[in-house]
Amino acid sequence: MSAWNELPELTAEIESLRSPMDKMQLRVKRIEAYFDYLCRTEERWVIECKRLGIDATWGQSILATVVVPAQKRELPKVLASARRHFEIND
């Protein structure tokens, strides 16, 4: 499924839910889907830069090597924090 189909579907599902924690879990899934799309776009850019012989600083894969790994470390913490918050406020 393309990101431009998946993202609106996830948004609609988020808006239909009542549970704040369920919404948070789907928001994380939506973030992951969006960054997957961005990484695929970046990968095409990196390949094109190499093909055209553009300076390597323009063709670095920042999202896939820096941003997404940090995101994978932080998103579970975000969910844990949300879980604690919603448990306290229930």
C-alpha atoms as a PDB file:
ATOM      1  CA  MET A   1       0.000   0.000   0.000  1.00  0.00           C
ATOM      2  CA  SER A   2       1.315   3.439  -0.810  1.00  0.00           C
ATOM      3  CA  ALA A   3       2.006   5.897   1.974  1.00  0.00           C
ATOM      4  CA  TRP A   4      -0.512   8.331   0.500  1.00  0.00           C
ATOM      5  CA  ASN A   5      -3.230   5.691   0.908  1.00  0.00           C
ATOM      6  CA  GLU A   6      -2.059   4.351   4.249  1.00  0.00           C
ATOM      7  CA  LEU A   7      -1.608   7.686   6.037  1.00  0.00           C
ATOM      8  CA  PRO A   8      -5.191   8.946   5.552  1.00  0.00           C
ATOM      9  CA  GLU A   9      -6.546   5.518   6.511  1.00  0.00           C
ATOM     10  CA  LEU A  10      -4.533   5.568   9.734  1.00  0.00           C
ATOM     11  CA  THR A  11      -5.660   9.131  10.436  1.00  0.00           C
ATOM     12  CA  ALA A  12      -9.310   8.179   9.959  1.00  0.00           C
ATOM     13  CA  GLU A  13      -8.864   5.177  12.236  1.00  0.00           C
ATOM     14  CA  ILE A  14      -7.186   7.349  14.896  1.00  0.00           C
ATOM     15  CA  GLU A  15     -10.052   9.830  14.749  1.00  0.00           C
ATOM     16  CA  SER A  16     -12.602   7.033  15.147  1.00  0.00           C
ATOM     17  CA  LEU A  17     -11.074   5.630  18.338  1.00  0.00           C
ATOM     18  CA  ARG A  18     -12.077   6.669  21.833  1.00  0.00           C
ATOM     19  CA  SER A  19      -9.181   5.270  23.860  1.00  0.00           C
ATOM     20  CA  PRO A  20      -6.280   7.748  24.107  1.00  0.00           C
ATOM     21  CA  MET A  21      -3.788   4.870  24.365  1.00  0.00           C
ATOM     22  CA  ASP A  22      -5.177   3.165  21.269  1.00  0.00           C
ATOM     23  CA  LYS A  23      -4.884   6.494  19.465  1.00  0.00           C
ATOM     24  CA  MET A  24      -1.253   6.841  20.574  1.00  0.00           C
ATOM     25  CA  GLN A  25      -0.383   3.366  19.312  1.00  0.00           C
ATOM     26  CA  LEU A  26      -1.851   4.161  15.906  1.00  0.00           C
ATOM     27  CA  ARG A  27      -0.082   7.520  15.862  1.00  0.00           C
ATOM     28  CA  VAL A  28       3.193   5.672  16.323  1.00  0.00           C
ATOM     29  CA  LYS A  29       2.245   3.369  13.447  1.00  0.00           C
ATOM     30  CA  ARG A  30       1.440   6.440  11.322  1.00  0.00           C
ATOM     31  CA  ILE A  31       4.831   7.999  12.179  1.00  0.00           C
ATOM     32  CA  GLU A  32       6.573   4.768  11.178  1.00  0.00           C
ATOM     33  CA  ALA A  33       4.643   4.626   7.885  1.00  0.00           C
ATOM     34  CA  TYR A  34       5.516   8.238   7.095  1.00  0.00           C
ATOM     35  CA  PHE A  35       9.204   7.772   7.862  1.00  0.00           C
ATOM     36  CA  ASP A  36       9.235   4.598   5.756  1.00  0.00           C
ATOM     37  CA  TYR A  37       7.986   6.726   2.864  1.00  0.00           C
ATOM     38  CA  LEU A  38      10.613   9.411   3.583  1.00  0.00           C
ATOM     39  CA  CYS A  39      13.398   6.792   3.679  1.00  0.00           C
ATOM     40  CA  ARG A  40      12.333   5.355   0.319  1.00  0.00           C
ATOM     41  CA  THR A  41      12.305   8.878  -1.124  1.00  0.00           C
ATOM     42  CA  GLU A  42      15.723   9.601   0.365  1.00  0.00           C
ATOM     43  CA  GLU A  43      17.075   6.322  -1.035  1.00  0.00           C
ATOM     44  CA  ARG A  44      16.031   7.349  -4.544  1.00  0.00           C
ATOM     45  CA  TRP A  45      17.725  10.736  -3.985  1.00  0.00           C
ATOM     46  CA  VAL A  46      20.972   9.079  -2.825  1.00  0.00           C
ATOM     47  CA  ILE A  47      20.992   6.806  -5.880  1.00  0.00           C
ATOM     48  CA  GLU A  48      20.364   9.761  -8.195  1.00  0.00           C
ATOM     49  CA  CYS A  49      23.167  11.777  -6.573  1.00  0.00           C
ATOM     50  CA  LYS A  50      25.601   8.910  -7.111  1.00  0.00           C
ATOM     51  CA  ARG A  51      24.435   8.438 -10.693  1.00  0.00           C
ATOM     52  CA  LEU A  52      24.970  12.131 -11.439  1.00  0.00           C
ATOM     53  CA  GLY A  53      28.290  12.296  -9.595  1.00  0.00           C
ATOM     54  CA  ILE A  54      27.042  14.954  -7.188  1.00  0.00           C
ATOM     55  CA  ASP A  55      29.218  15.680  -4.159  1.00  0.00           C
ATOM     56  CA  ALA A  56      28.808  12.962  -1.524  1.00  0.00           C
ATOM     57  CA  THR A  57      27.600  15.428   1.114  1.00  0.00           C
ATOM     58  CA  TRP A  58      24.384  15.819  -0.916  1.00  0.00           C
ATOM     59  CA  GLY A  59      23.877  12.092  -1.278  1.00  0.00           C
ATOM     60  CA  GLN A  60      24.090  10.982   2.332  1.00  0.00           C
ATOM     61  CA  SER A  61      21.365   8.844   3.820  1.00  0.00           C
ATOM     62  CA  ILE A  62      20.541  10.780   6.989  1.00  0.00           C
ATOM     63  CA  LEU A  63      17.024   9.535   7.649  1.00  0.00           C
ATOM     64  CA  ALA A  64      17.806   5.841   7.362  1.00  0.00           C
ATOM     65  CA  THR A  65      21.100   5.991   9.259  1.00  0.00           C
ATOM     66  CA  VAL A  66      20.402   8.603  11.952  1.00  0.00           C
ATOM     67  CA  VAL A  67      16.770   9.658  12.283  1.00  0.00           C
ATOM     68  CA  VAL A  68      14.975   6.300  12.009  1.00  0.00           C
ATOM     69  CA  PRO A  69      17.296   4.475  14.444  1.00  0.00           C
ATOM     70  CA  ALA A  70      16.759   7.297  16.970  1.00  0.00           C
ATOM     71  CA  GLN A  71      13.026   7.116  16.329  1.00  0.00           C
ATOM     72  CA  LYS A  72      13.028   3.355  16.953  1.00  0.00           C
ATOM     73  CA  ARG A  73      14.746   3.968  20.300  1.00  0.00           C
ATOM     74  CA  GLU A  74      12.444   6.805  21.351  1.00  0.00           C
ATOM     75  CA  LEU A  75       8.980   5.678  20.234  1.00  0.00           C
ATOM     76  CA  PRO A  76       8.737   2.859  22.818  1.00  0.00           C
ATOM     77  CA  LYS A  77       9.612   5.447  25.487  1.00  0.00           C
ATOM     78  CA  VAL A  78       6.887   7.734  24.166  1.00  0.00           C
ATOM     79  CA  LEU A  79       4.340   4.922  24.362  1.00  0.00           C
ATOM     80  CA  ALA A  80       5.444   3.969  27.872  1.00  0.00           C
ATOM     81  CA  SER A  81       5.128   7.579  28.992  1.00  0.00           C
ATOM     82  CA  ALA A  82       1.675   7.865  27.423  1.00  0.00           C
ATOM     83  CA  ARG A  83       0.617   4.618  29.077  1.00  0.00           C
ATOM     84  CA  ARG A  84       1.684   5.945  32.483  1.00  0.00           C
ATOM     85  CA  HIS A  85      -0.049   9.267  31.863  1.00  0.00           C
ATOM     86  CA  PHE A  86      -3.329   7.693  30.775  1.00  0.00           C
ATOM     87  CA  GLU A  87      -3.295   5.209  33.663  1.00  0.00           C
ATOM     88  CA  ILE A  88      -2.877   8.051  36.164  1.00  0.00           C
ATOM     89  CA  ASN A  89      -5.641  10.136  34.564  1.00  0.00           C
ATOM     90  CA  ASP A  90      -8.206   7.347  34.178  1.00  0.00           C
END
